[in-house]
């Protein structure tokens, strides 16, 4: 959900090591992107049994959060953490492993919303008895206020569903000067009415996003709210030292009878930041003392796989769900040399996806991508319309550069998160063979999206990903390729800065369709049409392998949150062991 973007710090398990009984070698590869995956450990299952109440759950992390402010929180891992622990949204996902975790269930609202006026009007009623950490009630006006905050120029980075769909939202700059959106009505403290500028039958799906969490106006401190969002969930912030440590304790005013999703097993959660990736892996593999009650924020490093998989006791503490997110190389189509389609196509042909997959841990935890949207949006299998070899086609790339008037090649820069440096080096080496010289710039994960979202000062190429917020092409292609929502700063999904009028018109035509089957087929066709214009090169879809401490229970990867650990249900087998 990152932008439903997946944080680029993730890494995967080494290719040579398998998690099941069958191996995966070159002989298992089935063309450019469709490969067999060996069985993964603890996929779609709950690990550790039912937790006991109490104790301290520790999260070991190499980074700080991108944002915890619900108006700005649109990175998968941050959304999982925020919406499961700190604040509630109108609707959320069921707490369950596997495909059951994609089911929408009411959260703040009593139901999934009621539509009228041809799906242009949506009404939600809030449950009674939901309170903030100070005991004051959550109101409909608080939800409206947070939606309005998401428009504020000084709060970039958040989801823009409200901007895309609310009537009268054009040019709105937030509530800072006392201006409010007439298209959000609150006839009483427990009723919200959203007036949309066009029909949107999927609107309840959008209300899972933290934009639709409450934020009381009296607590709003602008950008500083990121450091201390006010809790409507089961936990509240006791302390937060940016880049070092976050401590959550129970919100004594959270009422479990109003919340069918969150179990709130631990008494306390402590996020320890700034650790080295190898340090995190080694501590969790050893699982000694308090680390037995710890989990990892980021994914297992490829180098650590050999320490995990041969050890049956450690291997059973490994979970690995698909992220359902597509990694892409996105090119700045608004300036030379990538304003020329043949140059972009040259990158597409030059890229050796196989080498990137190897740098990502191999086919045990990755699938190569031959389309933008993940396989879940194609009925289970991506099409391969271009038929480019997984290792690339250097000669075709050189020919395209020559046709573009660049016979001597080009020089460019690629920005990646520090966790993606290995992938970037694989990209650099493969493009270099075709005469595309790439300089790599790395950015700390917590600052990555702010850096690439600054459209005036960013590099020509970025490596990032996109995850659908729910199973629909409407939550993928428009966010990645609709040029009408590009922002100068805080730009979210369209990092190719692609402004193509035929593409945008086709998106509008598809959005107006009412038949779901027809709509899905249209999004699938449009994916191929955009792919031919090559504003971005799809590379791979990862899984998210996580090692759990031996005292962890109730753990599984939540597919709707990109395979991240579902913090709604995780806890400890024995709270007494949480302190070591």
Protein backbone atom coordinates (compact mmCIF):
# COMPACT_ATOMS: atom_id res chain seq x y z
CA UNK A 1 0.00 0.00 0.00
CA UNK A 2 2.97 2.98 -0.76
CA UNK A 3 2.43 5.19 -1.87
CA UNK A 4 1.15 1.71 -1.42
CA UNK A 5 4.83 1.64 -2.28
CA UNK A 6 6.89 -1.04 -0.71
CA UNK A 7 9.82 0.40 1.16
CA UNK A 8 12.86 -0.17 -0.98
CA UNK A 9 14.96 -1.38 1.94
CA UNK A 10 13.60 -4.91 1.61
CA UNK A 11 15.90 -7.79 0.71
CA UNK A 12 15.23 -11.45 -0.06
CA UNK A 13 16.72 -14.84 0.60
CA UNK A 14 19.60 -16.27 -1.42
CA UNK A 15 18.73 -18.03 -4.64
CA UNK A 16 20.83 -21.10 -4.09
CA UNK A 17 18.98 -21.98 -0.91
CA UNK A 18 15.47 -23.40 -0.96
CA UNK A 19 12.84 -23.52 1.71
CA UNK A 20 11.18 -26.72 0.61
CA UNK A 21 12.33 -30.14 -0.41
CA UNK A 22 12.82 -29.30 -4.07
CA UNK A 23 15.65 -27.21 -5.42
CA UNK A 24 15.37 -24.32 -7.84
CA UNK A 25 18.05 -24.01 -10.47
CA UNK A 26 18.34 -22.65 -13.97
CA UNK A 27 16.50 -25.69 -15.22
CA UNK A 28 13.40 -24.55 -13.36
CA UNK A 29 13.20 -21.25 -15.19
CA UNK A 30 10.28 -20.89 -17.53
CA UNK A 31 10.99 -17.99 -19.84
CA UNK A 32 11.19 -14.30 -19.07
CA UNK A 33 9.53 -14.06 -15.74
CA UNK A 34 7.39 -17.11 -15.07
CA UNK A 35 9.30 -19.41 -12.75
CA UNK A 36 8.59 -22.16 -10.32
CA UNK A 37 8.98 -21.19 -6.69
CA UNK A 38 9.95 -23.86 -4.20
CA UNK A 39 7.59 -24.21 -1.26
CA UNK A 40 8.18 -21.44 1.24
CA UNK A 41 8.22 -21.88 4.98
CA UNK A 42 5.14 -20.89 6.96
CA UNK A 43 3.36 -19.20 4.07
CA UNK A 44 -0.31 -18.57 4.74
CA UNK A 45 -0.14 -20.03 8.25
CA UNK A 46 0.03 -18.69 11.80
CA UNK A 47 3.35 -19.32 13.55
CA UNK A 48 3.72 -19.87 17.30
CA UNK A 49 0.11 -20.56 18.26
CA UNK A 50 -2.11 -18.16 20.21
CA UNK A 51 -0.20 -15.47 22.15
CA UNK A 52 -0.57 -14.83 25.84
CA UNK A 53 -1.45 -11.35 27.02
CA UNK A 54 1.39 -9.16 28.33
CA UNK A 55 5.11 -8.68 27.91
CA UNK A 56 7.21 -6.51 25.61
CA UNK A 57 7.45 -7.10 21.86
CA UNK A 58 10.65 -5.67 20.38
CA UNK A 59 11.00 -4.68 16.73
CA UNK A 60 14.57 -4.52 15.41
CA UNK A 61 14.93 -2.04 12.56
CA UNK A 62 17.61 -0.56 10.33
CA UNK A 63 15.58 2.63 9.80
CA UNK A 64 13.07 5.12 11.10
CA UNK A 65 9.51 5.32 9.81
CA UNK A 66 8.88 7.36 6.69
CA UNK A 67 5.72 8.83 8.28
CA UNK A 68 3.39 7.96 11.16
CA UNK A 69 1.11 10.97 10.64
CA UNK A 70 -2.03 9.34 9.17
CA UNK A 71 -2.37 12.13 6.61
CA UNK A 72 1.09 11.25 5.25
CA UNK A 73 1.37 7.51 5.88
CA UNK A 74 1.30 5.69 2.54
CA UNK A 75 4.22 3.25 2.69
CA UNK A 76 3.18 -0.37 3.16
CA UNK A 77 5.16 -1.18 6.31
CA UNK A 78 4.30 2.13 7.98
CA UNK A 79 0.60 1.72 7.18
CA UNK A 80 0.60 -1.77 8.65
CA UNK A 81 2.17 -0.47 11.86
CA UNK A 82 0.09 2.69 12.14
CA UNK A 83 -3.34 1.30 11.32
CA UNK A 84 -2.94 -1.87 13.38
CA UNK A 85 -1.52 -0.21 16.51
CA UNK A 86 -1.99 3.58 16.69
CA UNK A 87 -5.13 4.60 14.85
CA UNK A 88 -8.21 3.14 13.28
CA UNK A 89 -9.69 3.76 9.84
CA UNK A 90 -13.27 3.66 8.59
CA UNK A 91 -12.71 0.19 7.14
CA UNK A 92 -9.77 -2.20 7.51
CA UNK A 93 -8.59 -5.67 6.53
CA UNK A 94 -9.48 -8.80 8.39
CA UNK A 95 -6.69 -10.11 10.62
CA UNK A 96 -6.01 -13.46 8.94
CA UNK A 97 -3.23 -15.18 6.99
CA UNK A 98 -3.41 -15.88 3.27
CA UNK A 99 -6.19 -14.67 1.01
CA UNK A 100 -8.59 -14.28 3.96
CA UNK A 101 -6.52 -11.24 4.96
CA UNK A 102 -7.83 -9.36 1.91
CA UNK A 103 -11.40 -9.28 3.26
CA UNK A 104 -12.72 -5.81 4.12
CA UNK A 105 -14.29 -5.44 7.56
CA UNK A 106 -15.70 -2.40 9.39
CA UNK A 107 -13.38 -0.60 11.78
CA UNK A 108 -14.47 2.86 12.94
CA UNK A 109 -17.59 2.41 10.84
CA UNK A 110 -20.52 0.14 11.63
CA UNK A 111 -20.46 -1.35 8.12
CA UNK A 112 -18.66 -1.01 4.78
CA UNK A 113 -20.56 2.12 3.79
CA UNK A 114 -23.75 2.74 1.85
CA UNK A 115 -23.73 4.19 -1.65
CA UNK A 116 -26.35 6.30 -3.38
CA UNK A 117 -26.59 8.62 -6.37
CA UNK A 118 -24.98 6.04 -8.63
CA UNK A 119 -21.98 5.45 -6.32
CA UNK A 120 -21.26 9.20 -6.21
CA UNK A 121 -22.36 9.49 -2.57
CA UNK A 122 -21.07 7.29 0.26
CA UNK A 123 -22.36 7.35 3.83
CA UNK A 124 -20.63 5.86 6.88
CA UNK A 125 -21.87 5.68 10.46
CA UNK A 126 -19.31 5.52 13.27
CA UNK A 127 -19.50 3.03 16.12
CA UNK A 128 -20.30 4.39 19.55
CA UNK A 129 -17.76 4.21 22.36
CA UNK A 130 -14.51 4.64 20.39
CA UNK A 131 -12.18 6.95 22.30
CA UNK A 132 -8.79 8.60 21.98
CA UNK A 133 -5.98 8.02 24.43
CA UNK A 134 -7.27 10.85 26.67
CA UNK A 135 -10.78 9.38 26.86
CA UNK A 136 -12.45 11.89 24.52
CA UNK A 137 -14.72 10.40 21.84
CA UNK A 138 -13.71 9.96 18.21
CA UNK A 139 -16.06 11.99 16.03
CA UNK A 140 -16.98 12.17 12.37
CA UNK A 141 -15.55 15.68 12.30
CA UNK A 142 -12.15 14.27 13.29
CA UNK A 143 -12.13 11.93 10.29
CA UNK A 144 -13.16 14.78 8.01
CA UNK A 145 -10.38 16.94 9.45
CA UNK A 146 -7.70 14.36 8.74
CA UNK A 147 -8.91 13.93 5.16
CA UNK A 148 -8.67 17.70 4.77
CA UNK A 149 -5.17 17.73 6.31
CA UNK A 150 -4.03 15.36 3.57
CA UNK A 151 -4.36 18.25 1.09
CA UNK A 152 -1.96 20.51 3.00
CA UNK A 153 1.19 21.39 1.00
CA UNK A 154 3.31 21.13 4.16
CA UNK A 155 2.17 17.53 4.70
CA UNK A 156 3.39 15.75 1.53
CA UNK A 157 3.67 12.03 0.92
CA UNK A 158 0.17 10.79 1.72
CA UNK A 159 -2.44 9.03 -0.36
CA UNK A 160 -4.37 11.10 -2.87
CA UNK A 161 -7.62 9.17 -3.17
CA UNK A 162 -9.41 12.16 -1.67
CA UNK A 163 -7.89 14.51 -4.25
CA UNK A 164 -8.82 12.15 -7.07
CA UNK A 165 -12.42 11.51 -6.12
CA UNK A 166 -13.92 14.14 -3.80
CA UNK A 167 -16.11 16.76 -5.45
CA UNK A 168 -14.76 20.30 -5.29
CA UNK A 169 -11.26 19.17 -4.28
CA UNK A 170 -9.45 20.88 -7.16
CA UNK A 171 -7.08 23.49 -5.79
CA UNK A 172 -7.93 22.78 -2.16
CA UNK A 173 -4.97 23.43 0.17
CA UNK A 174 -6.14 21.96 3.46
CA UNK A 175 -7.86 23.39 6.54
CA UNK A 176 -4.99 25.63 7.66
CA UNK A 177 -6.83 28.87 6.82
CA UNK A 178 -10.21 27.71 8.05
CA UNK A 179 -11.31 26.36 4.69
CA UNK A 180 -13.13 23.05 4.58
CA UNK A 181 -14.39 20.64 1.96
CA UNK A 182 -18.13 20.90 1.37
CA UNK A 183 -18.02 17.44 -0.22
CA UNK A 184 -17.49 15.86 3.23
CA UNK A 185 -20.58 16.36 5.35
CA UNK A 186 -20.94 15.52 9.03
CA UNK A 187 -24.64 15.88 9.90
CA UNK A 188 -23.85 14.62 13.41
CA UNK A 189 -20.88 13.30 15.39
CA UNK A 190 -21.33 9.78 14.09
CA UNK A 191 -22.18 10.28 10.41
CA UNK A 192 -19.92 10.99 7.43
CA UNK A 193 -21.19 11.66 3.92
CA UNK A 194 -18.70 11.82 1.05
CA UNK A 195 -19.77 13.44 -2.21
CA UNK A 196 -17.63 12.26 -5.14
CA UNK A 197 -17.12 13.99 -8.46
CA UNK A 198 -17.58 10.71 -10.33
CA UNK A 199 -18.89 7.23 -9.53
CA UNK A 200 -16.49 5.12 -7.48
CA UNK A 201 -17.89 1.73 -6.55
CA UNK A 202 -14.59 0.79 -4.86
CA UNK A 203 -14.65 3.71 -2.42
CA UNK A 204 -14.88 1.52 0.73
CA UNK A 205 -11.55 -0.06 -0.27
CA UNK A 206 -9.93 3.37 -0.24
CA UNK A 207 -11.09 4.03 3.33
CA UNK A 208 -8.58 1.44 4.59
CA UNK A 209 -5.88 4.06 3.91
CA UNK A 210 -4.73 6.14 6.96
CA UNK A 211 -6.15 9.25 5.27
CA UNK A 212 -9.47 8.01 6.67
CA UNK A 213 -8.26 7.78 10.26
CA UNK A 214 -9.30 10.46 12.78
CA UNK A 215 -7.09 13.35 13.86
CA UNK A 216 -8.53 15.85 16.37
CA UNK A 217 -7.99 19.44 15.32
CA UNK A 218 -6.90 20.46 18.83
CA UNK A 219 -3.94 18.04 18.64
CA UNK A 220 -2.77 18.99 15.15
CA UNK A 221 0.75 20.43 15.09
CA UNK A 222 1.30 20.43 11.34
CA UNK A 223 4.46 18.55 10.30
CA UNK A 224 5.29 17.90 13.98
CA UNK A 225 2.22 15.66 14.27
CA UNK A 226 4.41 13.05 12.57
CA UNK A 227 6.30 12.69 15.85
CA UNK A 228 3.22 12.20 18.02
CA UNK A 229 0.00 11.14 16.28
CA UNK A 230 -2.85 10.99 18.79
CA UNK A 231 -4.02 7.43 19.36
CA UNK A 232 -7.43 5.99 18.60
CA UNK A 233 -6.00 2.46 18.51
CA UNK A 234 -4.91 -0.01 21.19
CA UNK A 235 -1.53 1.65 21.81
CA UNK A 236 -0.24 5.17 22.30
CA UNK A 237 3.23 6.67 21.96
CA UNK A 238 5.12 6.88 25.24
CA UNK A 239 8.32 8.19 23.64
CA UNK A 240 9.77 8.66 20.16
CA UNK A 241 13.40 9.49 19.47
CA UNK A 242 13.62 9.84 15.71
CA UNK A 243 16.05 7.37 14.23
CA UNK A 244 16.65 5.69 17.60
CA UNK A 245 13.64 4.30 19.44
CA UNK A 246 9.85 4.32 19.54
CA UNK A 247 8.01 3.02 22.61
CA UNK A 248 4.30 2.19 22.54
CA UNK A 249 2.24 1.43 25.63
CA UNK A 250 -1.41 0.54 26.04
CA UNK A 251 -4.13 3.08 25.33
CA UNK A 252 -6.27 2.42 28.40
CA UNK A 253 -9.30 3.94 26.65
CA UNK A 254 -9.23 1.47 23.75
CA UNK A 255 -12.28 -0.77 24.05
CA UNK A 256 -11.85 -4.26 22.59
CA UNK A 257 -15.63 -4.64 22.33
CA UNK A 258 -15.59 -2.04 19.52
CA UNK A 259 -12.69 -3.69 17.69
CA UNK A 260 -13.01 -7.12 16.07
CA UNK A 261 -9.59 -6.93 14.41
CA UNK A 262 -6.87 -5.92 16.88
CA UNK A 263 -5.99 -8.28 19.73
CA UNK A 264 -3.37 -6.06 21.44
CA UNK A 265 -1.57 -8.91 23.16
CA UNK A 266 1.70 -7.21 24.27
CA UNK A 267 1.72 -4.62 27.04
CA UNK A 268 4.44 -2.69 25.26
CA UNK A 269 6.10 -2.47 21.84
CA UNK A 270 9.62 -1.12 21.47
CA UNK A 271 11.04 -0.32 18.02
CA UNK A 272 14.83 -0.12 18.13
CA UNK A 273 16.14 1.74 15.06
CA UNK A 274 19.46 2.33 13.38
CA UNK A 275 20.71 -1.26 13.60
CA UNK A 276 22.77 -2.86 10.85
CA UNK A 277 20.97 -5.45 8.73
CA UNK A 278 23.43 -8.24 9.51
CA UNK A 279 23.21 -7.41 13.21
CA UNK A 280 19.42 -7.80 13.12
CA UNK A 281 19.59 -11.14 11.31
CA UNK A 282 22.23 -12.56 13.64
CA UNK A 283 20.38 -11.49 16.77
CA UNK A 284 17.10 -13.04 15.63
CA UNK A 285 18.73 -16.24 14.41
CA UNK A 286 20.41 -16.64 17.80
CA UNK A 287 17.20 -15.65 19.60
CA UNK A 288 18.83 -15.17 22.99
CA UNK A 289 17.40 -13.25 25.95
CA UNK A 290 15.04 -10.44 25.01
CA UNK A 291 15.67 -11.16 21.30
CA UNK A 292 13.54 -14.30 21.69
CA UNK A 293 10.63 -11.84 21.95
CA UNK A 294 11.75 -9.76 18.94
CA UNK A 295 10.84 -9.50 15.28
CA UNK A 296 12.52 -7.80 12.33
CA UNK A 297 11.21 -4.70 10.59
CA UNK A 298 13.05 -5.45 7.35
CA UNK A 299 13.43 -8.63 5.37
CA UNK A 300 16.11 -11.26 5.81
CA UNK A 301 19.37 -10.53 3.97
CA UNK A 302 20.45 -12.97 1.23
CA UNK A 303 23.73 -13.52 3.06
CA UNK A 304 21.85 -14.80 6.11
CA UNK A 305 19.95 -17.54 4.30
CA UNK A 306 22.67 -20.17 4.83
CA UNK A 307 22.39 -19.60 8.58
CA UNK A 308 18.63 -20.09 8.56
CA UNK A 309 17.49 -22.77 6.18
CA UNK A 310 19.74 -25.71 7.16
CA UNK A 311 18.65 -25.21 10.79
CA UNK A 312 15.20 -26.74 11.29
CA UNK A 313 14.58 -24.90 14.55
CA UNK A 314 15.31 -21.51 12.99
CA UNK A 315 13.62 -22.31 9.68
CA UNK A 316 10.28 -22.89 11.37
CA UNK A 317 10.47 -19.29 12.62
CA UNK A 318 10.64 -17.95 9.05
CA UNK A 319 7.58 -16.49 7.30
CA UNK A 320 7.56 -15.34 3.69
CA UNK A 321 4.47 -13.92 1.98
CA UNK A 322 4.39 -12.28 -1.43
CA UNK A 323 4.57 -8.51 -1.39
CA UNK A 324 2.23 -8.36 -4.41
CA UNK A 325 4.28 -5.30 -5.40
CA UNK A 326 6.12 -4.69 -8.65
CA UNK A 327 9.68 -3.34 -8.54
CA UNK A 328 10.38 -0.97 -11.43
CA UNK A 329 13.10 1.15 -12.97
CA UNK A 330 11.28 4.44 -13.60
CA UNK A 331 12.73 6.98 -16.02
CA UNK A 332 12.14 10.75 -16.02
CA UNK A 333 10.11 11.05 -19.23
CA UNK A 334 9.90 14.83 -18.88
CA UNK A 335 13.49 15.60 -19.82
CA UNK A 336 16.28 14.34 -22.04
CA UNK A 337 17.35 11.71 -22.73
CA UNK A 338 14.31 9.80 -21.45
CA UNK A 339 11.77 12.02 -23.17
CA UNK A 340 12.70 9.95 -26.23
CA UNK A 341 10.76 6.67 -26.31
CA UNK A 342 13.52 4.78 -28.13
CA UNK A 343 15.96 5.60 -25.34
CA UNK A 344 13.49 4.22 -22.80
CA UNK A 345 12.99 1.14 -24.92
CA UNK A 346 16.75 0.70 -25.06
CA UNK A 347 16.82 0.52 -21.27
CA UNK A 348 14.03 -2.03 -21.40
CA UNK A 349 16.02 -4.28 -23.75
CA UNK A 350 19.39 -3.73 -22.09
CA UNK A 351 18.23 -4.65 -18.58
CA UNK A 352 19.34 -8.11 -17.49
CA UNK A 353 16.49 -8.94 -15.12
CA UNK A 354 18.11 -12.26 -14.30
CA UNK A 355 21.07 -10.48 -12.75
CA UNK A 356 18.75 -8.28 -10.68
CA UNK A 357 16.86 -11.36 -9.54
CA UNK A 358 20.13 -12.99 -8.49
CA UNK A 359 21.07 -9.86 -6.53
CA UNK A 360 17.63 -10.05 -4.91
CA UNK A 361 18.10 -13.59 -3.68
CA UNK A 362 16.99 -15.53 -6.75
CA UNK A 363 13.77 -17.32 -7.71
CA UNK A 364 13.21 -18.80 -4.26
CA UNK A 365 11.70 -15.50 -3.14
CA UNK A 366 11.18 -13.48 -6.32
CA UNK A 367 9.34 -13.68 -9.62
CA UNK A 368 10.47 -11.68 -12.62
CA UNK A 369 7.88 -9.22 -13.92
CA UNK A 370 6.85 -8.99 -17.54
CA UNK A 371 4.05 -6.48 -16.88
CA UNK A 372 3.47 -3.58 -14.51
CA UNK A 373 0.53 -4.93 -12.53
CA UNK A 374 1.28 -8.01 -10.38
CA UNK A 375 -0.06 -11.41 -11.35
CA UNK A 376 -2.97 -11.10 -8.90
CA UNK A 377 -4.47 -8.45 -11.21
CA UNK A 378 -4.10 -10.75 -14.23
CA UNK A 379 -5.94 -13.71 -12.79
CA UNK A 380 -2.78 -15.31 -11.43
CA UNK A 381 -0.23 -14.96 -14.26
CA UNK A 382 1.32 -11.90 -15.86
CA UNK A 383 1.32 -11.75 -19.68
CA UNK A 384 4.63 -11.59 -21.53
CA UNK A 385 3.70 -9.43 -24.49
CA UNK A 386 7.20 -8.22 -25.37
CA UNK A 387 9.01 -11.58 -25.21
CA UNK A 388 12.31 -10.01 -24.18
CA UNK A 389 14.79 -12.58 -22.81
CA UNK A 390 15.22 -12.45 -19.04
CA UNK A 391 18.91 -11.73 -19.64
CA UNK A 392 18.08 -8.81 -21.95
CA UNK A 393 18.99 -8.12 -25.56
CA UNK A 394 22.06 -5.88 -25.72
CA UNK A 395 22.24 -5.68 -29.51
CA UNK A 396 18.63 -4.54 -29.79
CA UNK A 397 19.28 -1.94 -27.09
CA UNK A 398 22.29 -0.58 -28.98
CA UNK A 399 20.25 -0.39 -32.17
CA UNK A 400 17.50 1.58 -30.42
CA UNK A 401 20.05 4.04 -29.03
CA UNK A 402 21.44 4.49 -32.54
CA UNK A 403 17.93 5.14 -33.90
CA UNK A 404 17.45 7.71 -31.13
CA UNK A 405 20.58 9.56 -32.26
CA UNK A 406 22.69 8.24 -29.38
CA UNK A 407 25.14 5.87 -31.11
CA UNK A 408 27.76 6.51 -28.43
CA UNK A 409 25.34 5.74 -25.61
CA UNK A 410 24.21 7.94 -22.73
CA UNK A 411 25.19 8.78 -19.16
CA UNK A 412 22.60 8.94 -16.39
CA UNK A 413 22.07 8.60 -12.63
CA UNK A 414 19.97 6.11 -10.68
CA UNK A 415 18.63 6.76 -7.16
CA UNK A 416 17.96 3.78 -4.91
CA UNK A 417 17.36 3.07 -1.25
CA UNK A 418 20.49 1.84 0.53
CA UNK A 419 18.92 -1.60 0.81
CA UNK A 420 18.70 -1.81 -2.98
CA UNK A 421 22.36 -1.10 -3.71
CA UNK A 422 22.99 -4.68 -4.84
CA UNK A 423 20.10 -4.50 -7.27
CA UNK A 424 21.31 -1.13 -8.51
CA UNK A 425 24.77 -2.54 -9.21
CA UNK A 426 23.22 -5.35 -11.25
CA UNK A 427 21.24 -2.76 -13.22
CA UNK A 428 24.36 -0.64 -13.66
CA UNK A 429 26.39 -3.55 -15.03
CA UNK A 430 23.74 -4.77 -17.46
CA UNK A 431 22.91 -1.32 -18.86
CA UNK A 432 26.62 -0.55 -19.21
CA UNK A 433 26.98 -3.38 -21.73
CA UNK A 434 24.65 -1.47 -24.06
CA UNK A 435 26.45 1.86 -23.64
CA UNK A 436 24.18 3.25 -20.90
CA UNK A 437 26.56 4.44 -18.20
CA UNK A 438 24.82 4.63 -14.82
CA UNK A 439 26.00 6.39 -11.66
CA UNK A 440 24.30 5.14 -8.51
CA UNK A 441 23.08 7.42 -5.73
CA UNK A 442 21.89 5.77 -2.50
CA UNK A 443 19.49 7.32 0.02
CA UNK A 444 18.53 6.25 3.53
CA UNK A 445 15.18 4.40 3.43
CA UNK A 446 13.44 6.89 5.72
CA UNK A 447 14.26 9.75 3.32
CA UNK A 448 13.98 7.81 0.06
CA UNK A 449 10.45 8.78 -0.97
CA UNK A 450 10.95 12.44 -0.08
CA UNK A 451 14.08 12.45 -2.22
CA UNK A 452 12.62 10.86 -5.33
CA UNK A 453 9.35 12.76 -4.80
CA UNK A 454 11.15 16.08 -5.35
CA UNK A 455 10.56 16.24 -9.10
CA UNK A 456 12.86 19.21 -9.76
CA UNK A 457 15.91 17.87 -7.96
CA UNK A 458 15.76 14.11 -8.46
CA UNK A 459 17.85 11.99 -10.80
CA UNK A 460 16.73 10.71 -14.19
CA UNK A 461 16.18 7.14 -12.98
CA UNK A 462 14.82 5.67 -9.74
CA UNK A 463 14.30 2.11 -8.54
CA UNK A 464 11.11 1.73 -6.57
CA UNK A 465 7.90 -0.24 -6.49
CA UNK A 466 4.13 -0.05 -6.33
CA UNK A 467 1.59 -2.23 -4.57
CA UNK A 468 -2.15 -2.22 -5.36
CA UNK A 469 -4.18 -0.99 -2.40
CA UNK A 470 -6.76 -3.65 -3.24
CA UNK A 471 -7.32 -6.09 -6.13
CA UNK A 472 -8.12 -3.64 -8.92
CA UNK A 473 -6.18 -2.05 -11.76
CA UNK A 474 -7.70 1.27 -10.69
CA UNK A 475 -5.39 1.29 -7.68
CA UNK A 476 -2.27 0.57 -9.71
CA UNK A 477 -2.00 2.07 -13.21
CA UNK A 478 -3.59 5.49 -12.49
CA UNK A 479 -1.34 6.03 -9.48
CA UNK A 480 1.82 5.11 -11.37
CA UNK A 481 1.10 6.64 -14.78
CA UNK A 482 -1.56 9.38 -14.57
CA UNK A 483 0.30 12.65 -15.15
CA UNK A 484 -2.46 14.84 -13.75
CA UNK A 485 -1.51 14.05 -10.16
CA UNK A 486 2.22 14.71 -10.30
CA UNK A 487 3.36 17.03 -7.53
CA UNK A 488 6.49 19.17 -7.48
CA UNK A 489 7.33 17.81 -4.03
CA UNK A 490 5.88 14.78 -2.31
CA UNK A 491 5.22 13.12 -5.66
CA UNK A 492 4.07 9.60 -4.93
CA UNK A 493 3.68 6.91 -7.58
CA UNK A 494 4.34 8.47 -10.97
CA UNK A 495 8.13 8.64 -10.67
CA UNK A 496 8.49 8.43 -14.44
CA UNK A 497 6.61 11.76 -14.57
CA UNK A 498 4.66 10.24 -17.43
CA UNK A 499 2.16 12.67 -18.98
CA UNK A 500 0.57 10.87 -21.91
CA UNK A 501 -2.82 12.21 -23.04
CA UNK A 502 -4.07 9.01 -24.75
CA UNK A 503 -3.20 7.03 -21.61
CA UNK A 504 -5.00 9.46 -19.32
CA UNK A 505 -8.08 9.53 -21.57
CA UNK A 506 -8.18 5.76 -21.58
CA UNK A 507 -7.95 5.73 -17.78
CA UNK A 508 -11.00 8.00 -17.61
CA UNK A 509 -12.89 5.76 -20.04
CA UNK A 510 -12.13 2.66 -17.96
CA UNK A 511 -13.08 4.42 -14.71
CA UNK A 512 -16.52 5.12 -16.19
CA UNK A 513 -17.20 1.44 -16.95
CA UNK A 514 -19.73 -0.30 -14.74
CA UNK A 515 -19.12 -3.95 -15.61
CA UNK A 516 -16.35 -5.36 -13.40
CA UNK A 517 -15.24 -8.01 -15.91
CA UNK A 518 -15.05 -5.47 -18.70
CA UNK A 519 -13.16 -3.08 -16.44
CA UNK A 520 -10.58 -5.68 -15.40
CA UNK A 521 -9.92 -6.66 -19.00
CA UNK A 522 -9.51 -3.00 -19.97
CA UNK A 523 -6.93 -2.37 -17.23
CA UNK A 524 -5.03 -5.45 -18.38
CA UNK A 525 -4.94 -4.21 -21.98
CA UNK A 526 -3.87 -0.74 -20.87
CA UNK A 527 -0.97 -2.25 -18.93
CA UNK A 528 0.44 -3.59 -22.21
CA UNK A 529 -0.18 -0.33 -24.04
CA UNK A 530 1.77 1.65 -21.45
CA UNK A 531 4.50 -0.99 -21.41
CA UNK A 532 5.07 -0.42 -25.12
CA UNK A 533 5.77 3.27 -24.39
CA UNK A 534 8.23 2.24 -21.66
CA UNK A 535 8.04 5.00 -19.06
CA UNK A 536 9.23 2.31 -16.62
CA UNK A 537 10.67 -1.18 -16.79
CA UNK A 538 8.99 -3.79 -14.54
CA UNK A 539 11.65 -5.94 -12.92
CA UNK A 540 10.38 -8.33 -10.25
CA UNK A 541 7.90 -9.08 -7.48
CA UNK A 542 9.44 -10.01 -4.12
CA UNK A 543 8.40 -11.99 -1.14
CA UNK A 544 9.00 -10.67 2.37
CA UNK A 545 11.01 -13.17 4.45
CA UNK A 546 11.02 -12.44 8.17
CA UNK A 547 12.74 -14.26 11.04
CA UNK A 548 10.79 -14.37 14.28
CA UNK A 549 12.11 -14.73 17.80
CA UNK A 550 11.48 -18.12 19.40
CA UNK A 551 9.00 -16.56 21.88
CA UNK A 552 6.82 -15.01 19.16
CA UNK A 553 3.25 -16.24 18.63
CA UNK A 554 0.30 -15.33 16.43
CA UNK A 555 2.59 -14.31 13.56
CA UNK A 556 1.90 -14.38 9.82
CA UNK A 557 2.51 -12.22 6.78
CA UNK A 558 -0.49 -10.03 5.98
CA UNK A 559 -0.92 -10.18 2.19
CA UNK A 560 -2.88 -6.91 2.10
CA UNK A 561 0.11 -5.18 3.72
CA UNK A 562 2.70 -6.48 1.28
CA UNK A 563 3.57 -9.58 3.27
CA UNK A 564 4.48 -7.59 6.38
CA UNK A 565 3.95 -9.01 9.84
CA UNK A 566 0.36 -8.35 10.94
CA UNK A 567 0.73 -6.34 14.14
CA UNK A 568 -2.97 -6.78 14.91
CA UNK A 569 -2.46 -10.31 16.23
CA UNK A 570 1.22 -10.84 17.01
CA UNK A 571 2.31 -11.38 20.60
CA UNK A 572 4.38 -13.62 22.85
CA UNK A 573 4.17 -17.27 23.85
CA UNK A 574 5.39 -16.41 27.34
CA UNK A 575 5.25 -12.77 28.48
CA UNK A 576 7.63 -13.59 31.35
CA UNK A 577 10.42 -14.30 28.85
CA UNK A 578 10.11 -10.96 27.07
CA UNK A 579 12.70 -9.29 29.26
CA UNK A 580 15.30 -12.01 28.72
